[in-house]
Amino acid sequence: MITGGVSVIIWRRLGVALGGIFGLYEIVPGFLFSALVIYIVSKLDKEPSQDIIDEFEKVKGLNSQTNA
C-alpha cells in the first residue's frame, strides 16, 4: 500500500511536470509498482513454518467442507 500510494503521488507530479507517458492515469503505475514490490518481498521472505502450513491446510479443509 505504501508503494502504491507513494508512486501515485510521484507519478501525478511527474505527469504535471513532464507529460508524455507520465500523463497516464496514476492508478495504473501505482498498481504495477505495488504488484512488483509484493512479488519481490515474497521471493526474499523465508518459507512459512510447518505449523503455519498445517494451519492453512486445516482451514482450507474446513472451508471446502462448508462450500460443498
PDB file of N, CA and C in Angstrom:
ATOM      1  N   MET A   1       0.819  -1.191   0.000  1.00  0.00           N
ATOM      2  CA  MET A   1       0.000   0.000   0.000  1.00  0.00           C
ATOM      3  C   MET A   1       0.861   1.252   0.000  1.00  0.00           C
ATOM      4  N   ILE A   2       1.938   1.221   0.749  1.00  0.00           N
ATOM      5  CA  ILE A   2       2.815   2.388   0.802  1.00  0.00           C
ATOM      6  C   ILE A   2       3.416   2.648  -0.568  1.00  0.00           C
ATOM      7  N   THR A   3       3.895   1.588  -1.215  1.00  0.00           N
ATOM      8  CA  THR A   3       4.495   1.736  -2.540  1.00  0.00           C
ATOM      9  C   THR A   3       3.492   2.317  -3.527  1.00  0.00           C
ATOM     10  N   GLY A   4       2.287   1.795  -3.528  1.00  0.00           N
ATOM     11  CA  GLY A   4       1.261   2.295  -4.440  1.00  0.00           C
ATOM     12  C   GLY A   4       0.932   3.753  -4.184  1.00  0.00           C
ATOM     13  N   GLY A   5       0.765   4.107  -2.918  1.00  0.00           N
ATOM     14  CA  GLY A   5       0.445   5.491  -2.568  1.00  0.00           C
ATOM     15  C   GLY A   5       1.536   6.467  -2.954  1.00  0.00           C
ATOM     16  N   VAL A   6       2.775   6.101  -2.646  1.00  0.00           N
ATOM     17  CA  VAL A   6       3.907   6.970  -2.982  1.00  0.00           C
ATOM     18  C   VAL A   6       4.051   7.094  -4.495  1.00  0.00           C
ATOM     19  N   SER A   7       3.913   5.980  -5.199  1.00  0.00           N
ATOM     20  CA  SER A   7       4.063   6.039  -6.656  1.00  0.00           C
ATOM     21  C   SER A   7       2.952   6.877  -7.296  1.00  0.00           C
ATOM     22  N   VAL A   8       1.749   6.843  -6.741  1.00  0.00           N
ATOM     23  CA  VAL A   8       0.662   7.672  -7.266  1.00  0.00           C
ATOM     24  C   VAL A   8       0.996   9.148  -7.099  1.00  0.00           C
ATOM     25  N   ILE A   9       1.494   9.522  -5.938  1.00  0.00           N
ATOM     26  CA  ILE A   9       1.841  10.925  -5.686  1.00  0.00           C
ATOM     27  C   ILE A   9       2.966  11.374  -6.608  1.00  0.00           C
ATOM     28  N   ILE A  10       4.022  10.576  -6.699  1.00  0.00           N
ATOM     29  CA  ILE A  10       5.158  10.936  -7.551  1.00  0.00           C
ATOM     30  C   ILE A  10       4.740  10.967  -9.016  1.00  0.00           C
ATOM     31  N   TRP A  11       3.991   9.962  -9.457  1.00  0.00           N
ATOM     32  CA  TRP A  11       3.561   9.889 -10.854  1.00  0.00           C
ATOM     33  C   TRP A  11       2.714  11.103 -11.222  1.00  0.00           C
ATOM     34  N   ARG A  12       1.855  11.502 -10.311  1.00  0.00           N
ATOM     35  CA  ARG A  12       0.987  12.664 -10.556  1.00  0.00           C
ATOM     36  C   ARG A  12       1.823  13.923 -10.751  1.00  0.00           C
ATOM     37  N   ARG A  13       2.832  14.093  -9.907  1.00  0.00           N
ATOM     38  CA  ARG A  13       3.691  15.278 -10.016  1.00  0.00           C
ATOM     39  C   ARG A  13       4.531  15.234 -11.292  1.00  0.00           C
ATOM     40  N   LEU A  14       5.014  14.061 -11.663  1.00  0.00           N
ATOM     41  CA  LEU A  14       5.778  13.934 -12.902  1.00  0.00           C
ATOM     42  C   LEU A  14       4.891  14.185 -14.119  1.00  0.00           C
ATOM     43  N   GLY A  15       3.647  13.746 -14.050  1.00  0.00           N
ATOM     44  CA  GLY A  15       2.712  13.963 -15.154  1.00  0.00           C
ATOM     45  C   GLY A  15       2.471  15.429 -15.418  1.00  0.00           C
ATOM     46  N   VAL A  16       2.367  16.200 -14.352  1.00  0.00           N
ATOM     47  CA  VAL A  16       2.155  17.638 -14.495  1.00  0.00           C
ATOM     48  C   VAL A  16       3.409  18.290 -15.068  1.00  0.00           C
ATOM     49  N   ALA A  17       4.579  17.864 -14.586  1.00  0.00           N
ATOM     50  CA  ALA A  17       5.832  18.493 -14.996  1.00  0.00           C
ATOM     51  C   ALA A  17       6.314  18.033 -16.369  1.00  0.00           C
ATOM     52  N   LEU A  18       6.208  16.744 -16.670  1.00  0.00           N
ATOM     53  CA  LEU A  18       6.836  16.198 -17.869  1.00  0.00           C
ATOM     54  C   LEU A  18       5.865  15.812 -18.975  1.00  0.00           C
ATOM     55  N   GLY A  19       4.657  15.433 -18.639  1.00  0.00           N
ATOM     56  CA  GLY A  19       3.706  14.983 -19.653  1.00  0.00           C
ATOM     57  C   GLY A  19       4.121  13.648 -20.246  1.00  0.00           C
ATOM     58  N   GLY A  20       3.761  13.397 -21.487  1.00  0.00           N
ATOM     59  CA  GLY A  20       4.119  12.146 -22.157  1.00  0.00           C
ATOM     60  C   GLY A  20       3.542  10.937 -21.447  1.00  0.00           C
ATOM     61  N   ILE A  21       4.377   9.914 -21.254  1.00  0.00           N
ATOM     62  CA  ILE A  21       3.921   8.687 -20.588  1.00  0.00           C
ATOM     63  C   ILE A  21       3.496   8.966 -19.146  1.00  0.00           C
ATOM     64  N   PHE A  22       4.041  10.023 -18.550  1.00  0.00           N
ATOM     65  CA  PHE A  22       3.684  10.361 -17.174  1.00  0.00           C
ATOM     66  C   PHE A  22       2.279  10.954 -17.087  1.00  0.00           C
ATOM     67  N   GLY A  23       1.647  11.203 -18.228  1.00  0.00           N
ATOM     68  CA  GLY A  23       0.268  11.658 -18.256  1.00  0.00           C
ATOM     69  C   GLY A  23      -0.725  10.520 -18.061  1.00  0.00           C
ATOM     70  N   LEU A  24      -0.214   9.278 -18.042  1.00  0.00           N
ATOM     71  CA  LEU A  24      -1.049   8.094 -17.824  1.00  0.00           C
ATOM     72  C   LEU A  24      -1.714   8.179 -16.450  1.00  0.00           C
ATOM     73  N   TYR A  25      -2.970   7.737 -16.376  1.00  0.00           N
ATOM     74  CA  TYR A  25      -3.700   7.748 -15.105  1.00  0.00           C
ATOM     75  C   TYR A  25      -2.861   7.065 -14.029  1.00  0.00           C
ATOM     76  N   GLU A  26      -2.654   7.728 -12.913  1.00  0.00           N
ATOM     77  CA  GLU A  26      -1.664   7.300 -11.916  1.00  0.00           C
ATOM     78  C   GLU A  26      -1.980   5.997 -11.193  1.00  0.00           C
ATOM     79  N   ILE A  27      -3.213   5.526 -11.248  1.00  0.00           N
ATOM     80  CA  ILE A  27      -3.518   4.267 -10.558  1.00  0.00           C
ATOM     81  C   ILE A  27      -2.868   3.069 -11.266  1.00  0.00           C
ATOM     82  N   VAL A  28      -2.646   3.190 -12.576  1.00  0.00           N
ATOM     83  CA  VAL A  28      -2.041   2.084 -13.333  1.00  0.00           C
ATOM     84  C   VAL A  28      -0.604   1.832 -12.883  1.00  0.00           C
ATOM     85  N   PRO A  29       0.286   2.837 -12.905  1.00  0.00           N
ATOM     86  CA  PRO A  29       1.639   2.572 -12.400  1.00  0.00           C
ATOM     87  C   PRO A  29       1.649   2.268 -10.902  1.00  0.00           C
ATOM     88  N   GLY A  30       0.728   2.852 -10.140  1.00  0.00           N
ATOM     89  CA  GLY A  30       0.644   2.547  -8.715  1.00  0.00           C
ATOM     90  C   GLY A  30       0.368   1.076  -8.476  1.00  0.00           C
ATOM     91  N   PHE A  31      -0.556   0.512  -9.245  1.00  0.00           N
ATOM     92  CA  PHE A  31      -0.868  -0.913  -9.146  1.00  0.00           C
ATOM     93  C   PHE A  31       0.330  -1.755  -9.566  1.00  0.00           C
ATOM     94  N   LEU A  32       0.960  -1.390 -10.680  1.00  0.00           N
ATOM     95  CA  LEU A  32       2.100  -2.165 -11.184  1.00  0.00           C
ATOM     96  C   LEU A  32       3.278  -2.146 -10.212  1.00  0.00           C
ATOM     97  N   PHE A  33       3.602  -0.979  -9.668  1.00  0.00           N
ATOM     98  CA  PHE A  33       4.700  -0.896  -8.697  1.00  0.00           C
ATOM     99  C   PHE A  33       4.376  -1.695  -7.437  1.00  0.00           C
ATOM    100  N   SER A  34       3.142  -1.630  -6.974  1.00  0.00           N
ATOM    101  CA  SER A  34       2.741  -2.396  -5.789  1.00  0.00           C
ATOM    102  C   SER A  34       2.851  -3.892  -6.036  1.00  0.00           C
ATOM    103  N   ALA A  35       2.380  -4.341  -7.197  1.00  0.00           N
ATOM    104  CA  ALA A  35       2.467  -5.765  -7.534  1.00  0.00           C
ATOM    105  C   ALA A  35       3.919  -6.219  -7.606  1.00  0.00           C
ATOM    106  N   LEU A  36       4.778  -5.380  -8.169  1.00  0.00           N
ATOM    107  CA  LEU A  36       6.200  -5.709  -8.266  1.00  0.00           C
ATOM    108  C   LEU A  36       6.831  -5.834  -6.881  1.00  0.00           C
ATOM    109  N   VAL A  37       6.529  -4.918  -5.985  1.00  0.00           N
ATOM    110  CA  VAL A  37       7.080  -4.974  -4.627  1.00  0.00           C
ATOM    111  C   VAL A  37       6.544  -6.196  -3.879  1.00  0.00           C
ATOM    112  N   ILE A  38       5.279  -6.523  -4.041  1.00  0.00           N
ATOM    113  CA  ILE A  38       4.713  -7.718  -3.405  1.00  0.00           C
ATOM    114  C   ILE A  38       5.452  -8.960  -3.873  1.00  0.00           C
ATOM    115  N   TYR A  39       5.703  -9.058  -5.169  1.00  0.00           N
ATOM    116  CA  TYR A  39       6.417 -10.213  -5.725  1.00  0.00           C
ATOM    117  C   TYR A  39       7.844 -10.292  -5.173  1.00  0.00           C
ATOM    118  N   ILE A  40       8.550  -9.174  -5.173  1.00  0.00           N
ATOM    119  CA  ILE A  40       9.941  -9.159  -4.696  1.00  0.00           C
ATOM    120  C   ILE A  40      10.011  -9.543  -3.225  1.00  0.00           C
ATOM    121  N   VAL A  41       9.155  -8.972  -2.404  1.00  0.00           N
ATOM    122  CA  VAL A  41       9.167  -9.281  -0.968  1.00  0.00           C
ATOM    123  C   VAL A  41       8.811 -10.743  -0.730  1.00  0.00           C
ATOM    124  N   SER A  42       7.875 -11.287  -1.498  1.00  0.00           N
ATOM    125  CA  SER A  42       7.513 -12.695  -1.312  1.00  0.00           C
ATOM    126  C   SER A  42       8.672 -13.615  -1.671  1.00  0.00           C
ATOM    127  N   LYS A  43       9.492 -13.216  -2.629  1.00  0.00           N
ATOM    128  CA  LYS A  43      10.653 -14.032  -3.004  1.00  0.00           C
ATOM    129  C   LYS A  43      11.797 -13.892  -1.998  1.00  0.00           C
ATOM    130  N   LEU A  44      11.927 -12.735  -1.370  1.00  0.00           N
ATOM    131  CA  LEU A  44      13.000 -12.506  -0.402  1.00  0.00           C
ATOM    132  C   LEU A  44      12.669 -13.043   0.985  1.00  0.00           C
ATOM    133  N   ASP A  45      11.389 -13.210   1.273  1.00  0.00           N
ATOM    134  CA  ASP A  45      10.953 -13.670   2.591  1.00  0.00           C
ATOM    135  C   ASP A  45      11.194 -15.173   2.726  1.00  0.00           C
ATOM    136  N   LYS A  46      11.284 -15.638   3.965  1.00  0.00           N
ATOM    137  CA  LYS A  46      11.501 -17.068   4.210  1.00  0.00           C
ATOM    138  C   LYS A  46      10.218 -17.859   3.969  1.00  0.00           C
ATOM    139  N   GLU A  47      10.379 -19.151   3.784  1.00  0.00           N
ATOM    140  CA  GLU A  47       9.237 -20.048   3.611  1.00  0.00           C
ATOM    141  C   GLU A  47       8.469 -20.142   4.935  1.00  0.00           C
ATOM    142  N   PRO A  48       7.156 -20.366   4.887  1.00  0.00           N
ATOM    143  CA  PRO A  48       6.395 -20.495   6.130  1.00  0.00           C
ATOM    144  C   PRO A  48       6.786 -21.768   6.884  1.00  0.00           C
ATOM    145  N   SER A  49       6.651 -21.709   8.203  1.00  0.00           N
ATOM    146  CA  SER A  49       6.977 -22.879   9.019  1.00  0.00           C
ATOM    147  C   SER A  49       5.934 -23.973   8.794  1.00  0.00           C
ATOM    148  N   GLN A  50       6.268 -25.181   9.217  1.00  0.00           N
ATOM    149  CA  GLN A  50       5.344 -26.307   9.043  1.00  0.00           C
ATOM    150  C   GLN A  50       4.054 -26.085   9.830  1.00  0.00           C
ATOM    151  N   ASP A  51       4.148 -25.421  10.995  1.00  0.00           N
ATOM    152  CA  ASP A  51       2.941 -25.112  11.777  1.00  0.00           C
ATOM    153  C   ASP A  51       1.970 -24.239  10.977  1.00  0.00           C
ATOM    154  N   ILE A  52       2.501 -23.253  10.302  1.00  0.00           N
ATOM    155  CA  ILE A  52       1.662 -22.356   9.500  1.00  0.00           C
ATOM    156  C   ILE A  52       1.040 -23.112   8.334  1.00  0.00           C
ATOM    157  N   ILE A  53       1.820 -23.952   7.682  1.00  0.00           N
ATOM    158  CA  ILE A  53       1.311 -24.745   6.557  1.00  0.00           C
ATOM    159  C   ILE A  53       0.202 -25.682   7.027  1.00  0.00           C
ATOM    160  N   ASP A  54       0.413 -26.332   8.178  1.00  0.00           N
ATOM    161  CA  ASP A  54      -0.608 -27.232   8.728  1.00  0.00           C
ATOM    162  C   ASP A  54      -1.898 -26.476   9.054  1.00  0.00           C
ATOM    163  N   GLU A  55      -1.761 -25.308   9.661  1.00  0.00           N
ATOM    164  CA  GLU A  55      -2.929 -24.486   9.996  1.00  0.00           C
ATOM    165  C   GLU A  55      -3.675 -24.075   8.723  1.00  0.00           C
ATOM    166  N   PHE A  56      -2.933 -23.684   7.709  1.00  0.00           N
ATOM    167  CA  PHE A  56      -3.546 -23.301   6.437  1.00  0.00           C
ATOM    168  C   PHE A  56      -4.329 -24.465   5.832  1.00  0.00           C
ATOM    169  N   GLU A  57      -3.720 -25.633   5.821  1.00  0.00           N
ATOM    170  CA  GLU A  57      -4.385 -26.811   5.248  1.00  0.00           C
ATOM    171  C   GLU A  57      -5.634 -27.185   6.043  1.00  0.00           C
ATOM    172  N   LYS A  58      -5.570 -27.024   7.370  1.00  0.00           N
ATOM    173  CA  LYS A  58      -6.722 -27.317   8.222  1.00  0.00           C
ATOM    174  C   LYS A  58      -7.887 -26.385   7.884  1.00  0.00           C
ATOM    175  N   VAL A  59      -7.613 -25.098   7.795  1.00  0.00           N
ATOM    176  CA  VAL A  59      -8.659 -24.122   7.482  1.00  0.00           C
ATOM    177  C   VAL A  59      -9.162 -24.319   6.052  1.00  0.00           C
ATOM    178  N   LYS A  60      -8.258 -24.631   5.149  1.00  0.00           N
ATOM    179  CA  LYS A  60      -8.648 -24.897   3.761  1.00  0.00           C
ATOM    180  C   LYS A  60      -9.613 -26.082   3.691  1.00  0.00           C
ATOM    181  N   GLY A  61      -9.340 -27.125   4.475  1.00  0.00           N
ATOM    182  CA  GLY A  61     -10.231 -28.280   4.524  1.00  0.00           C
ATOM    183  C   GLY A  61     -11.588 -27.927   5.105  1.00  0.00           C
ATOM    184  N   LEU A  62     -11.602 -27.128   6.175  1.00  0.00           N
ATOM    185  CA  LEU A  62     -12.871 -26.693   6.768  1.00  0.00           C
ATOM    186  C   LEU A  62     -13.670 -25.844   5.788  1.00  0.00           C
ATOM    187  N   ASN A  63     -12.983 -25.006   5.057  1.00  0.00           N
ATOM    188  CA  ASN A  63     -13.648 -24.133   4.093  1.00  0.00           C
ATOM    189  C   ASN A  63     -14.252 -24.936   2.948  1.00  0.00           C
ATOM    190  N   SER A  64     -13.550 -25.959   2.494  1.00  0.00           N
ATOM    191  CA  SER A  64     -14.081 -26.769   1.392  1.00  0.00           C
ATOM    192  C   SER A  64     -15.287 -27.591   1.853  1.00  0.00           C
ATOM    193  N   GLN A  65     -15.326 -27.979   3.127  1.00  0.00           N
ATOM    194  CA  GLN A  65     -16.483 -28.701   3.658  1.00  0.00           C
ATOM    195  C   GLN A  65     -17.701 -27.786   3.722  1.00  0.00           C
ATOM    196  N   THR A  66     -17.474 -26.533   4.069  1.00  0.00           N
ATOM    197  CA  THR A  66     -18.560 -25.563   4.181  1.00  0.00           C
ATOM    198  C   THR A  66     -19.162 -25.254   2.817  1.00  0.00           C
ATOM    199  N   ASN A  67     -18.319 -25.188   1.794  1.00  0.00           N
ATOM    200  CA  ASN A  67     -18.786 -24.835   0.448  1.00  0.00           C
ATOM    201  C   ASN A  67     -19.365 -26.015  -0.316  1.00  0.00           C
ATOM    202  N   ALA A  68     -19.209 -27.223   0.199  1.00  0.00           N
ATOM    203  CA  ALA A  68     -19.690 -28.407  -0.531  1.00  0.00           C
ATOM    204  C   ALA A  68     -21.169 -28.618  -0.374  1.00  0.00           C
TER     205      ALA A  68
END
